[in-house]
Amino acid sequence: ENCSVLLDFDDVTKMSILDIQENTQRAIDILDSYDFKFISIAGCSVSGDINGMVPEINTDGVVIRKEFKVWKTIRKFNPNVRFIFGDYGIANPQLSDDLIAPDANGKIRYTIEDSYFVVRGYSRRQGDKGAQVYGLCRRLINSGHYMGPSFSWGDFKINECAQEQFLGNSTNWVSIDTSHHMTYVLAEVKEFEKKIVEEKTREILI
């Protein structure tokens, strides 16, 4: 009861939601009788290659957060299991921290309900180079997905950048994307857990 188990799916970009869900449920069925403190799931739907998320430059795309949809489904149908959502964040776990990619495209990975909204630019060696991010931020803000500058530190910096008051480098933008992601996911998990409690309460009253 003092130990926990992590179901680590690593990079799930090539896996189907059904496969992840079946593997997770099978593991929970086996582990549940051991009375672990909790069981957690982690996986990452963000591709290591921008082409795997948004195939064309200067376009936007939506990437489903498979690991989160699986967690919600398993959590809903196993309400008495202590099943916790783990998270890799917005960076693919297979990417090396030491990787230098001078031709990397400008991009913003913005977490939305059950998905990521990905705004893709072009190679940082071309055109406006790093300054392309000004336009990327304006595209995000005009997309209808932007939560406003007060939502998180990351959202504040996105608004600053859209007004060309901040530029940042690749490392800064990982931090900005992560700030929004963590704030969003914490609220998302809290809201979902609240619904689980409300449903269990209704069942007891009935």
N, C-alpha and C. Protein backbone atom coordinates (compact mmCIF):
# COMPACT_ATOMS: atom_id res chain seq x y z
N GLU A 1 0.81 -1.21 0.00
CA GLU A 1 0.00 0.00 0.00
C GLU A 1 0.85 1.27 0.00
N ASN A 2 2.16 1.13 0.19
CA ASN A 2 3.05 2.29 0.13
C ASN A 2 3.73 2.42 -1.23
N CYS A 3 3.43 1.51 -2.13
CA CYS A 3 4.02 1.53 -3.47
C CYS A 3 2.97 1.91 -4.51
N SER A 4 3.43 2.50 -5.59
CA SER A 4 2.55 2.88 -6.69
C SER A 4 3.08 2.27 -7.98
N VAL A 5 2.23 2.20 -8.98
CA VAL A 5 2.61 1.63 -10.28
C VAL A 5 2.36 2.65 -11.38
N LEU A 6 3.35 2.82 -12.24
CA LEU A 6 3.20 3.69 -13.40
C LEU A 6 3.11 2.85 -14.67
N LEU A 7 2.02 3.01 -15.40
CA LEU A 7 1.87 2.37 -16.71
C LEU A 7 2.40 3.36 -17.74
N ASP A 8 3.65 3.18 -18.13
CA ASP A 8 4.34 4.14 -18.99
C ASP A 8 4.28 3.68 -20.45
N PHE A 9 3.47 4.36 -21.24
CA PHE A 9 3.33 4.02 -22.66
C PHE A 9 4.30 4.79 -23.55
N ASP A 10 5.06 5.73 -22.95
CA ASP A 10 6.06 6.47 -23.71
C ASP A 10 5.41 7.19 -24.91
N ASP A 11 5.97 7.04 -26.08
CA ASP A 11 5.45 7.67 -27.31
C ASP A 11 4.26 6.85 -27.82
N VAL A 12 3.07 7.47 -27.84
CA VAL A 12 1.87 6.74 -28.28
C VAL A 12 1.38 7.21 -29.65
N THR A 13 2.22 7.94 -30.36
CA THR A 13 1.79 8.49 -31.64
C THR A 13 1.40 7.42 -32.65
N LYS A 14 2.00 6.24 -32.54
CA LYS A 14 1.71 5.16 -33.50
C LYS A 14 0.69 4.15 -32.95
N MET A 15 0.24 4.37 -31.72
CA MET A 15 -0.73 3.46 -31.10
C MET A 15 -2.15 3.99 -31.26
N SER A 16 -3.10 3.08 -31.29
CA SER A 16 -4.51 3.49 -31.34
C SER A 16 -5.02 3.68 -29.91
N ILE A 17 -6.05 4.49 -29.77
CA ILE A 17 -6.66 4.69 -28.46
C ILE A 17 -7.18 3.36 -27.92
N LEU A 18 -7.75 2.55 -28.79
CA LEU A 18 -8.29 1.25 -28.37
C LEU A 18 -7.20 0.34 -27.81
N ASP A 19 -6.04 0.30 -28.47
CA ASP A 19 -4.94 -0.54 -27.99
C ASP A 19 -4.44 -0.08 -26.62
N ILE A 20 -4.29 1.23 -26.47
CA ILE A 20 -3.84 1.78 -25.18
C ILE A 20 -4.85 1.44 -24.09
N GLN A 21 -6.11 1.62 -24.43
CA GLN A 21 -7.18 1.38 -23.45
C GLN A 21 -7.24 -0.09 -23.04
N GLU A 22 -7.15 -0.99 -24.00
CA GLU A 22 -7.21 -2.42 -23.69
C GLU A 22 -6.02 -2.85 -22.84
N ASN A 23 -4.83 -2.37 -23.17
CA ASN A 23 -3.63 -2.70 -22.39
C ASN A 23 -3.72 -2.15 -20.98
N THR A 24 -4.26 -0.94 -20.86
CA THR A 24 -4.41 -0.31 -19.55
C THR A 24 -5.41 -1.06 -18.69
N GLN A 25 -6.55 -1.39 -19.26
CA GLN A 25 -7.57 -2.10 -18.49
C GLN A 25 -7.08 -3.47 -18.06
N ARG A 26 -6.34 -4.14 -18.93
CA ARG A 26 -5.79 -5.46 -18.60
C ARG A 26 -4.82 -5.35 -17.41
N ALA A 27 -3.99 -4.31 -17.44
CA ALA A 27 -3.03 -4.11 -16.35
C ALA A 27 -3.75 -3.79 -15.05
N ILE A 28 -4.78 -2.95 -15.12
CA ILE A 28 -5.53 -2.59 -13.91
C ILE A 28 -6.22 -3.82 -13.31
N ASP A 29 -6.79 -4.65 -14.17
CA ASP A 29 -7.46 -5.86 -13.69
C ASP A 29 -6.49 -6.77 -12.94
N ILE A 30 -5.24 -6.81 -13.41
CA ILE A 30 -4.22 -7.64 -12.76
C ILE A 30 -3.73 -7.01 -11.47
N LEU A 31 -3.53 -5.69 -11.49
CA LEU A 31 -2.90 -4.99 -10.37
C LEU A 31 -3.85 -4.60 -9.24
N ASP A 32 -5.12 -4.50 -9.54
CA ASP A 32 -6.08 -3.95 -8.57
C ASP A 32 -6.10 -4.71 -7.25
N SER A 33 -5.94 -6.01 -7.28
CA SER A 33 -6.03 -6.81 -6.05
C SER A 33 -4.80 -6.66 -5.15
N TYR A 34 -3.75 -6.01 -5.64
CA TYR A 34 -2.51 -5.86 -4.86
C TYR A 34 -2.54 -4.65 -3.93
N ASP A 35 -3.58 -3.86 -4.01
CA ASP A 35 -3.76 -2.72 -3.11
C ASP A 35 -2.60 -1.72 -3.15
N PHE A 36 -2.18 -1.35 -4.36
CA PHE A 36 -1.17 -0.31 -4.50
C PHE A 36 -1.76 1.04 -4.08
N LYS A 37 -0.89 1.95 -3.71
CA LYS A 37 -1.34 3.28 -3.30
C LYS A 37 -2.13 3.94 -4.42
N PHE A 38 -1.61 3.86 -5.63
CA PHE A 38 -2.36 4.27 -6.81
C PHE A 38 -1.70 3.69 -8.05
N ILE A 39 -2.43 3.70 -9.14
CA ILE A 39 -1.92 3.29 -10.45
C ILE A 39 -2.00 4.52 -11.35
N SER A 40 -0.94 4.78 -12.08
CA SER A 40 -0.89 5.97 -12.93
C SER A 40 -0.60 5.60 -14.38
N ILE A 41 -1.12 6.39 -15.29
CA ILE A 41 -0.85 6.19 -16.72
C ILE A 41 -0.11 7.41 -17.26
N ALA A 42 0.86 7.16 -18.13
CA ALA A 42 1.57 8.26 -18.80
C ALA A 42 1.83 7.86 -20.24
N GLY A 43 1.76 8.84 -21.11
CA GLY A 43 2.03 8.63 -22.53
C GLY A 43 2.12 9.98 -23.20
N CYS A 44 2.62 10.01 -24.42
CA CYS A 44 2.77 11.29 -25.11
C CYS A 44 2.28 11.18 -26.55
N SER A 45 1.31 12.02 -26.89
CA SER A 45 0.74 12.04 -28.24
C SER A 45 1.41 13.06 -29.15
N VAL A 46 2.36 13.81 -28.60
CA VAL A 46 3.08 14.80 -29.41
C VAL A 46 4.17 14.09 -30.20
N SER A 47 4.14 14.22 -31.51
CA SER A 47 5.14 13.60 -32.37
C SER A 47 6.49 14.30 -32.24
N GLY A 48 7.56 13.54 -32.40
CA GLY A 48 8.89 14.13 -32.39
C GLY A 48 9.18 14.92 -33.65
N ASP A 49 8.37 14.71 -34.66
CA ASP A 49 8.52 15.38 -35.95
C ASP A 49 7.26 16.19 -36.22
N ILE A 50 7.40 17.48 -36.47
CA ILE A 50 6.25 18.35 -36.70
C ILE A 50 5.38 17.85 -37.84
N ASN A 51 5.99 17.16 -38.83
CA ASN A 51 5.21 16.63 -39.95
C ASN A 51 4.19 15.58 -39.51
N GLY A 52 4.47 14.95 -38.37
CA GLY A 52 3.55 13.96 -37.85
C GLY A 52 2.32 14.57 -37.21
N MET A 53 2.36 15.89 -36.99
CA MET A 53 1.22 16.58 -36.37
C MET A 53 0.53 17.51 -37.37
N VAL A 54 1.34 18.32 -38.05
CA VAL A 54 0.81 19.26 -39.05
C VAL A 54 1.67 19.10 -40.30
N PRO A 55 1.18 18.43 -41.33
CA PRO A 55 1.99 18.07 -42.50
C PRO A 55 2.52 19.25 -43.32
N GLU A 56 1.81 20.37 -43.35
CA GLU A 56 2.21 21.47 -44.22
C GLU A 56 2.64 22.69 -43.41
N ILE A 57 3.66 23.41 -43.93
CA ILE A 57 4.12 24.62 -43.25
C ILE A 57 3.03 25.68 -43.29
N ASN A 58 3.09 26.58 -42.32
CA ASN A 58 2.16 27.71 -42.22
C ASN A 58 0.70 27.29 -42.14
N THR A 59 0.46 26.14 -41.50
CA THR A 59 -0.91 25.69 -41.27
C THR A 59 -1.07 25.27 -39.82
N ASP A 60 -2.30 25.00 -39.43
CA ASP A 60 -2.61 24.59 -38.06
C ASP A 60 -3.20 23.18 -38.08
N GLY A 61 -3.14 22.50 -36.95
CA GLY A 61 -3.72 21.16 -36.86
C GLY A 61 -4.08 20.82 -35.43
N VAL A 62 -4.94 19.82 -35.29
CA VAL A 62 -5.35 19.34 -33.97
C VAL A 62 -4.85 17.91 -33.78
N VAL A 63 -4.19 17.67 -32.67
CA VAL A 63 -3.65 16.34 -32.34
C VAL A 63 -4.38 15.83 -31.10
N ILE A 64 -5.01 14.68 -31.21
CA ILE A 64 -5.75 14.11 -30.08
C ILE A 64 -4.78 13.65 -28.99
N ARG A 65 -5.08 13.98 -27.77
CA ARG A 65 -4.28 13.53 -26.62
C ARG A 65 -4.80 12.15 -26.20
N LYS A 66 -4.29 11.13 -26.86
CA LYS A 66 -4.79 9.77 -26.67
C LYS A 66 -4.72 9.32 -25.21
N GLU A 67 -3.59 9.60 -24.58
CA GLU A 67 -3.39 9.15 -23.20
C GLU A 67 -4.43 9.75 -22.25
N PHE A 68 -4.84 10.99 -22.53
CA PHE A 68 -5.83 11.63 -21.65
C PHE A 68 -7.23 11.06 -21.88
N LYS A 69 -7.57 10.80 -23.13
CA LYS A 69 -8.87 10.20 -23.42
C LYS A 69 -8.98 8.80 -22.80
N VAL A 70 -7.87 8.06 -22.84
CA VAL A 70 -7.86 6.73 -22.22
C VAL A 70 -8.02 6.85 -20.71
N TRP A 71 -7.29 7.77 -20.10
CA TRP A 71 -7.41 7.96 -18.65
C TRP A 71 -8.85 8.28 -18.26
N LYS A 72 -9.50 9.17 -19.00
CA LYS A 72 -10.88 9.54 -18.67
C LYS A 72 -11.82 8.34 -18.78
N THR A 73 -11.66 7.57 -19.84
CA THR A 73 -12.54 6.41 -20.03
C THR A 73 -12.35 5.37 -18.93
N ILE A 74 -11.08 5.04 -18.66
CA ILE A 74 -10.78 4.04 -17.62
C ILE A 74 -11.24 4.55 -16.26
N ARG A 75 -11.00 5.81 -15.99
CA ARG A 75 -11.38 6.40 -14.70
C ARG A 75 -12.90 6.37 -14.51
N LYS A 76 -13.62 6.66 -15.57
CA LYS A 76 -15.09 6.70 -15.50
C LYS A 76 -15.68 5.32 -15.21
N PHE A 77 -15.14 4.30 -15.86
CA PHE A 77 -15.71 2.97 -15.71
C PHE A 77 -15.06 2.14 -14.61
N ASN A 78 -14.08 2.72 -13.92
CA ASN A 78 -13.45 2.08 -12.76
C ASN A 78 -13.36 3.11 -11.63
N PRO A 79 -14.49 3.65 -11.20
CA PRO A 79 -14.47 4.77 -10.25
C PRO A 79 -13.86 4.45 -8.89
N ASN A 80 -13.78 3.18 -8.54
CA ASN A 80 -13.23 2.81 -7.24
C ASN A 80 -11.74 2.49 -7.28
N VAL A 81 -11.16 2.53 -8.47
CA VAL A 81 -9.72 2.31 -8.62
C VAL A 81 -8.99 3.64 -8.49
N ARG A 82 -7.93 3.66 -7.71
CA ARG A 82 -7.14 4.90 -7.55
C ARG A 82 -6.25 5.05 -8.79
N PHE A 83 -6.82 5.64 -9.82
CA PHE A 83 -6.17 5.73 -11.13
C PHE A 83 -5.82 7.18 -11.42
N ILE A 84 -4.53 7.48 -11.48
CA ILE A 84 -4.03 8.85 -11.57
C ILE A 84 -3.49 9.14 -12.97
N PHE A 85 -3.71 10.38 -13.42
CA PHE A 85 -3.18 10.78 -14.72
C PHE A 85 -1.75 11.30 -14.58
N GLY A 86 -0.82 10.66 -15.30
CA GLY A 86 0.56 11.14 -15.38
C GLY A 86 0.72 11.89 -16.70
N ASP A 87 1.83 12.58 -16.89
CA ASP A 87 1.90 13.44 -18.08
C ASP A 87 3.34 13.67 -18.52
N TYR A 88 3.58 13.54 -19.81
CA TYR A 88 4.89 13.86 -20.38
C TYR A 88 4.98 15.33 -20.78
N GLY A 89 3.88 16.02 -20.79
CA GLY A 89 3.91 17.41 -21.24
C GLY A 89 3.84 17.52 -22.74
N ILE A 90 4.48 18.57 -23.29
CA ILE A 90 4.32 18.88 -24.71
C ILE A 90 5.52 18.46 -25.57
N ALA A 91 6.47 17.74 -24.97
CA ALA A 91 7.66 17.31 -25.72
C ALA A 91 7.71 15.79 -25.82
N ASN A 92 7.99 15.27 -27.00
CA ASN A 92 8.08 13.83 -27.21
C ASN A 92 9.22 13.25 -26.38
N PRO A 93 8.97 12.17 -25.62
CA PRO A 93 10.00 11.61 -24.73
C PRO A 93 11.19 11.01 -25.46
N GLN A 94 11.06 10.76 -26.76
CA GLN A 94 12.16 10.17 -27.53
C GLN A 94 13.18 11.21 -27.99
N LEU A 95 12.85 12.50 -27.85
CA LEU A 95 13.77 13.54 -28.29
C LEU A 95 14.85 13.77 -27.25
N SER A 96 16.09 13.87 -27.70
CA SER A 96 17.22 14.11 -26.81
C SER A 96 17.28 15.59 -26.42
N ASP A 97 17.62 15.84 -25.15
CA ASP A 97 17.79 17.22 -24.69
C ASP A 97 18.98 17.89 -25.38
N ASP A 98 19.91 17.08 -25.90
CA ASP A 98 21.11 17.63 -26.52
C ASP A 98 20.95 17.86 -28.03
N LEU A 99 19.78 17.53 -28.55
CA LEU A 99 19.56 17.65 -29.99
C LEU A 99 19.53 19.11 -30.43
N ILE A 100 20.35 19.43 -31.41
CA ILE A 100 20.36 20.78 -31.99
C ILE A 100 19.74 20.68 -33.38
N ALA A 101 18.66 21.43 -33.59
CA ALA A 101 17.94 21.35 -34.86
C ALA A 101 17.79 22.75 -35.46
N PRO A 102 18.81 23.22 -36.17
CA PRO A 102 18.76 24.58 -36.72
C PRO A 102 17.64 24.79 -37.74
N ASP A 103 17.19 23.72 -38.38
CA ASP A 103 16.12 23.84 -39.37
C ASP A 103 14.73 23.59 -38.78
N ALA A 104 14.65 23.50 -37.47
CA ALA A 104 13.35 23.25 -36.83
C ALA A 104 12.36 24.34 -37.20
N ASN A 105 11.12 23.94 -37.40
CA ASN A 105 10.06 24.90 -37.73
C ASN A 105 9.61 25.64 -36.48
N GLY A 106 9.21 26.88 -36.66
CA GLY A 106 8.55 27.59 -35.58
C GLY A 106 7.22 26.92 -35.31
N LYS A 107 6.85 26.80 -34.04
CA LYS A 107 5.58 26.14 -33.71
C LYS A 107 5.14 26.50 -32.30
N ILE A 108 3.84 26.39 -32.09
CA ILE A 108 3.25 26.51 -30.76
C ILE A 108 2.37 25.30 -30.54
N ARG A 109 2.58 24.59 -29.43
CA ARG A 109 1.75 23.44 -29.08
C ARG A 109 0.85 23.87 -27.93
N TYR A 110 -0.40 24.09 -28.24
CA TYR A 110 -1.34 24.71 -27.29
C TYR A 110 -2.40 23.69 -26.88
N THR A 111 -2.42 23.36 -25.61
CA THR A 111 -3.33 22.34 -25.11
C THR A 111 -4.77 22.84 -25.07
N ILE A 112 -5.68 22.04 -25.66
CA ILE A 112 -7.10 22.34 -25.63
C ILE A 112 -7.83 21.08 -25.15
N GLU A 113 -9.14 21.09 -25.12
CA GLU A 113 -9.89 19.96 -24.60
C GLU A 113 -9.58 18.66 -25.35
N ASP A 114 -9.01 17.70 -24.64
CA ASP A 114 -8.69 16.37 -25.17
C ASP A 114 -7.67 16.38 -26.31
N SER A 115 -7.09 17.51 -26.64
CA SER A 115 -6.22 17.61 -27.82
C SER A 115 -5.15 18.68 -27.64
N TYR A 116 -4.30 18.78 -28.66
CA TYR A 116 -3.36 19.90 -28.80
C TYR A 116 -3.73 20.64 -30.08
N PHE A 117 -3.74 21.96 -30.00
CA PHE A 117 -3.87 22.78 -31.20
C PHE A 117 -2.46 23.21 -31.56
N VAL A 118 -1.98 22.77 -32.72
CA VAL A 118 -0.59 23.02 -33.11
C VAL A 118 -0.54 24.05 -34.23
N VAL A 119 0.16 25.14 -33.97
CA VAL A 119 0.34 26.21 -34.95
C VAL A 119 1.74 26.04 -35.54
N ARG A 120 1.83 25.75 -36.82
CA ARG A 120 3.12 25.50 -37.46
C ARG A 120 3.54 26.66 -38.34
N GLY A 121 4.82 27.01 -38.23
CA GLY A 121 5.41 28.02 -39.11
C GLY A 121 6.25 27.35 -40.18
N TYR A 122 7.54 27.75 -40.24
CA TYR A 122 8.46 27.21 -41.25
C TYR A 122 9.86 27.20 -40.65
N SER A 123 10.85 26.78 -41.41
CA SER A 123 12.22 26.67 -40.90
C SER A 123 12.70 27.99 -40.32
N ARG A 124 13.35 27.90 -39.15
CA ARG A 124 13.86 29.11 -38.50
C ARG A 124 15.04 29.73 -39.25
N ARG A 125 15.53 29.04 -40.28
CA ARG A 125 16.61 29.59 -41.10
C ARG A 125 16.07 30.45 -42.24
N GLN A 126 14.77 30.42 -42.45
CA GLN A 126 14.19 31.09 -43.61
C GLN A 126 13.32 32.28 -43.19
N GLY A 127 12.95 33.08 -44.18
CA GLY A 127 11.99 34.17 -43.97
C GLY A 127 12.33 35.06 -42.79
N ASP A 128 11.37 35.21 -41.90
CA ASP A 128 11.55 36.05 -40.71
C ASP A 128 12.33 35.34 -39.60
N LYS A 129 12.75 34.11 -39.88
CA LYS A 129 13.52 33.32 -38.91
C LYS A 129 12.75 33.22 -37.58
N GLY A 130 13.41 33.55 -36.47
CA GLY A 130 12.74 33.43 -35.18
C GLY A 130 11.56 34.37 -35.01
N ALA A 131 11.59 35.49 -35.74
CA ALA A 131 10.52 36.49 -35.61
C ALA A 131 9.18 36.01 -36.17
N GLN A 132 9.18 34.86 -36.85
CA GLN A 132 7.92 34.32 -37.36
C GLN A 132 6.94 34.03 -36.23
N VAL A 133 7.47 33.88 -35.02
CA VAL A 133 6.62 33.52 -33.89
C VAL A 133 5.61 34.63 -33.57
N TYR A 134 5.89 35.87 -33.96
CA TYR A 134 4.91 36.94 -33.78
C TYR A 134 3.60 36.57 -34.49
N GLY A 135 3.74 36.15 -35.73
CA GLY A 135 2.57 35.77 -36.51
C GLY A 135 1.91 34.50 -36.00
N LEU A 136 2.73 33.56 -35.51
CA LEU A 136 2.17 32.32 -34.96
C LEU A 136 1.28 32.62 -33.76
N CYS A 137 1.73 33.54 -32.92
CA CYS A 137 0.93 33.90 -31.74
C CYS A 137 -0.37 34.59 -32.14
N ARG A 138 -0.29 35.44 -33.15
CA ARG A 138 -1.52 36.10 -33.61
C ARG A 138 -2.50 35.08 -34.19
N ARG A 139 -1.98 34.08 -34.91
CA ARG A 139 -2.84 33.02 -35.44
C ARG A 139 -3.52 32.25 -34.31
N LEU A 140 -2.76 31.95 -33.27
CA LEU A 140 -3.32 31.24 -32.13
C LEU A 140 -4.42 32.06 -31.46
N ILE A 141 -4.14 33.33 -31.22
CA ILE A 141 -5.11 34.19 -30.55
C ILE A 141 -6.40 34.32 -31.36
N ASN A 142 -6.26 34.34 -32.68
CA ASN A 142 -7.44 34.48 -33.55
C ASN A 142 -8.14 33.15 -33.84
N SER A 143 -7.59 32.06 -33.31
CA SER A 143 -8.12 30.73 -33.64
C SER A 143 -9.40 30.38 -32.89
N GLY A 144 -9.64 31.08 -31.79
CA GLY A 144 -10.79 30.74 -30.95
C GLY A 144 -10.41 29.82 -29.80
N HIS A 145 -9.17 29.32 -29.79
CA HIS A 145 -8.72 28.41 -28.73
C HIS A 145 -8.01 29.13 -27.59
N TYR A 146 -7.53 30.33 -27.84
CA TYR A 146 -6.71 31.05 -26.86
C TYR A 146 -7.53 31.36 -25.61
N MET A 147 -6.95 31.10 -24.44
CA MET A 147 -7.64 31.24 -23.16
C MET A 147 -7.52 32.62 -22.53
N GLY A 148 -6.69 33.49 -23.11
CA GLY A 148 -6.52 34.82 -22.56
C GLY A 148 -5.23 34.95 -21.77
N PRO A 149 -4.67 36.17 -21.69
CA PRO A 149 -3.36 36.38 -21.06
C PRO A 149 -3.31 36.07 -19.58
N SER A 150 -4.45 36.06 -18.90
CA SER A 150 -4.44 35.82 -17.45
C SER A 150 -4.53 34.34 -17.10
N PHE A 151 -4.69 33.47 -18.10
CA PHE A 151 -4.88 32.04 -17.82
C PHE A 151 -3.63 31.40 -17.22
N SER A 152 -2.47 31.73 -17.76
CA SER A 152 -1.20 31.18 -17.26
C SER A 152 -0.07 32.12 -17.65
N TRP A 153 1.10 31.88 -17.07
CA TRP A 153 2.27 32.67 -17.47
C TRP A 153 2.53 32.50 -18.96
N GLY A 154 2.38 31.27 -19.46
CA GLY A 154 2.59 31.01 -20.88
C GLY A 154 1.64 31.80 -21.76
N ASP A 155 0.38 31.88 -21.35
CA ASP A 155 -0.60 32.64 -22.13
C ASP A 155 -0.28 34.14 -22.11
N PHE A 156 0.26 34.60 -20.99
CA PHE A 156 0.67 36.00 -20.90
C PHE A 156 1.80 36.29 -21.90
N LYS A 157 2.77 35.37 -21.98
CA LYS A 157 3.89 35.56 -22.91
C LYS A 157 3.42 35.46 -24.37
N ILE A 158 2.44 34.61 -24.64
CA ILE A 158 1.89 34.51 -26.00
C ILE A 158 1.27 35.84 -26.40
N ASN A 159 0.55 36.46 -25.50
CA ASN A 159 -0.07 37.75 -25.78
C ASN A 159 0.99 38.83 -25.99
N GLU A 160 2.04 38.79 -25.16
CA GLU A 160 3.16 39.74 -25.32
C GLU A 160 3.80 39.58 -26.69
N CYS A 161 4.00 38.33 -27.09
CA CYS A 161 4.65 38.05 -28.37
C CYS A 161 3.79 38.51 -29.54
N ALA A 162 2.49 38.31 -29.43
CA ALA A 162 1.58 38.74 -30.49
C ALA A 162 1.66 40.25 -30.72
N GLN A 163 2.02 40.97 -29.64
CA GLN A 163 2.17 42.43 -29.73
C GLN A 163 3.62 42.83 -30.03
N GLU A 164 4.45 41.81 -30.33
CA GLU A 164 5.87 42.00 -30.66
C GLU A 164 6.65 42.66 -29.54
N GLN A 165 6.26 42.33 -28.29
CA GLN A 165 6.98 42.82 -27.12
C GLN A 165 7.91 41.76 -26.54
N PHE A 166 7.84 40.56 -27.11
CA PHE A 166 8.65 39.43 -26.65
C PHE A 166 8.87 38.49 -27.82
N LEU A 167 10.10 37.94 -27.92
CA LEU A 167 10.40 37.02 -29.01
C LEU A 167 10.71 35.62 -28.47
N GLY A 168 11.75 35.50 -27.68
CA GLY A 168 12.10 34.22 -27.09
C GLY A 168 12.84 33.31 -28.05
N ASN A 169 13.41 32.23 -27.49
CA ASN A 169 14.09 31.22 -28.31
C ASN A 169 13.36 29.89 -28.16
N SER A 170 13.89 28.84 -28.75
CA SER A 170 13.22 27.53 -28.73
C SER A 170 13.00 27.03 -27.31
N THR A 171 14.00 27.23 -26.45
CA THR A 171 13.87 26.79 -25.06
C THR A 171 12.77 27.56 -24.34
N ASN A 172 12.71 28.87 -24.57
CA ASN A 172 11.66 29.69 -23.97
C ASN A 172 10.28 29.18 -24.37
N TRP A 173 10.15 28.79 -25.63
CA TRP A 173 8.83 28.38 -26.13
C TRP A 173 8.41 27.01 -25.61
N VAL A 174 9.37 26.16 -25.29
CA VAL A 174 9.02 24.91 -24.60
C VAL A 174 8.43 25.25 -23.23
N SER A 175 9.04 26.21 -22.54
CA SER A 175 8.55 26.63 -21.22
C SER A 175 7.17 27.27 -21.32
N ILE A 176 6.96 28.09 -22.34
CA ILE A 176 5.67 28.76 -22.53
C ILE A 176 4.57 27.75 -22.82
N ASP A 177 4.84 26.84 -23.75
CA ASP A 177 3.87 25.79 -24.07
C ASP A 177 3.57 24.92 -22.85
N THR A 178 4.62 24.63 -22.07
CA THR A 178 4.46 23.78 -20.89
C THR A 178 3.66 24.48 -19.80
N SER A 179 3.88 25.77 -19.62
CA SER A 179 3.14 26.54 -18.62
C SER A 179 1.64 26.48 -18.89
N HIS A 180 1.26 26.73 -20.13
CA HIS A 180 -0.17 26.65 -20.48
C HIS A 180 -0.68 25.22 -20.30
N HIS A 181 0.11 24.25 -20.76
CA HIS A 181 -0.30 22.85 -20.70
C HIS A 181 -0.58 22.40 -19.26
N MET A 182 0.35 22.69 -18.37
CA MET A 182 0.19 22.26 -16.98
C MET A 182 -1.02 22.91 -16.32
N THR A 183 -1.20 24.20 -16.58
CA THR A 183 -2.34 24.91 -16.01
C THR A 183 -3.65 24.34 -16.53
N TYR A 184 -3.68 24.07 -17.83
CA TYR A 184 -4.90 23.55 -18.45
C TYR A 184 -5.22 22.14 -17.96
N VAL A 185 -4.21 21.27 -17.94
CA VAL A 185 -4.43 19.87 -17.56
C VAL A 185 -4.85 19.75 -16.09
N LEU A 186 -4.24 20.54 -15.22
CA LEU A 186 -4.62 20.50 -13.81
C LEU A 186 -6.10 20.85 -13.64
N ALA A 187 -6.55 21.89 -14.35
CA ALA A 187 -7.96 22.28 -14.28
C ALA A 187 -8.86 21.21 -14.89
N GLU A 188 -8.38 20.60 -15.98
CA GLU A 188 -9.13 19.58 -16.69
C GLU A 188 -9.33 18.33 -15.82
N VAL A 189 -8.26 17.89 -15.17
CA VAL A 189 -8.33 16.72 -14.30
C VAL A 189 -9.22 17.01 -13.09
N LYS A 190 -9.06 18.19 -12.52
CA LYS A 190 -9.87 18.57 -11.36
C LYS A 190 -11.35 18.56 -11.70
N GLU A 191 -11.70 19.10 -12.85
CA GLU A 191 -13.10 19.15 -13.28
C GLU A 191 -13.65 17.74 -13.52
N PHE A 192 -12.84 16.89 -14.14
CA PHE A 192 -13.30 15.53 -14.42
C PHE A 192 -13.48 14.73 -13.12
N GLU A 193 -12.54 14.88 -12.18
CA GLU A 193 -12.66 14.19 -10.90
C GLU A 193 -13.91 14.67 -10.14
N LYS A 194 -14.22 15.94 -10.29
CA LYS A 194 -15.42 16.49 -9.65
C LYS A 194 -16.67 15.80 -10.19
N LYS A 195 -16.70 15.56 -11.51
CA LYS A 195 -17.84 14.88 -12.13
C LYS A 195 -17.95 13.44 -11.65
N ILE A 196 -16.80 12.77 -11.47
CA ILE A 196 -16.80 11.40 -10.97
C ILE A 196 -17.43 11.34 -9.58
N VAL A 197 -17.04 12.28 -8.72
CA VAL A 197 -17.58 12.34 -7.35
C VAL A 197 -19.08 12.61 -7.38
N GLU A 198 -19.50 13.53 -8.24
CA GLU A 198 -20.93 13.86 -8.34
C GLU A 198 -21.74 12.66 -8.80
N GLU A 199 -21.21 11.90 -9.75
CA GLU A 199 -21.91 10.71 -10.24
C GLU A 199 -22.02 9.63 -9.15
N LYS A 200 -20.94 9.45 -8.40
CA LYS A 200 -20.96 8.46 -7.31
C LYS A 200 -21.95 8.88 -6.23
N THR A 201 -22.01 10.18 -5.95
CA THR A 201 -22.95 10.70 -4.95
C THR A 201 -24.39 10.47 -5.38
N ARG A 202 -24.68 10.70 -6.65
CA ARG A 202 -26.03 10.48 -7.17
C ARG A 202 -26.43 9.01 -7.05
N GLU A 203 -25.48 8.12 -7.34
CA GLU A 203 -25.76 6.68 -7.25
C GLU A 203 -26.09 6.27 -5.81
N ILE A 204 -25.37 6.86 -4.86
CA ILE A 204 -25.61 6.55 -3.44
C ILE A 204 -27.00 7.03 -3.02
N LEU A 205 -27.37 8.23 -3.47
CA LEU A 205 -28.67 8.80 -3.10
C LEU A 205 -29.82 8.02 -3.72
N ILE A 206 -29.58 7.47 -4.91
CA ILE A 206 -30.63 6.69 -5.58
C ILE A 206 -30.79 5.34 -4.89
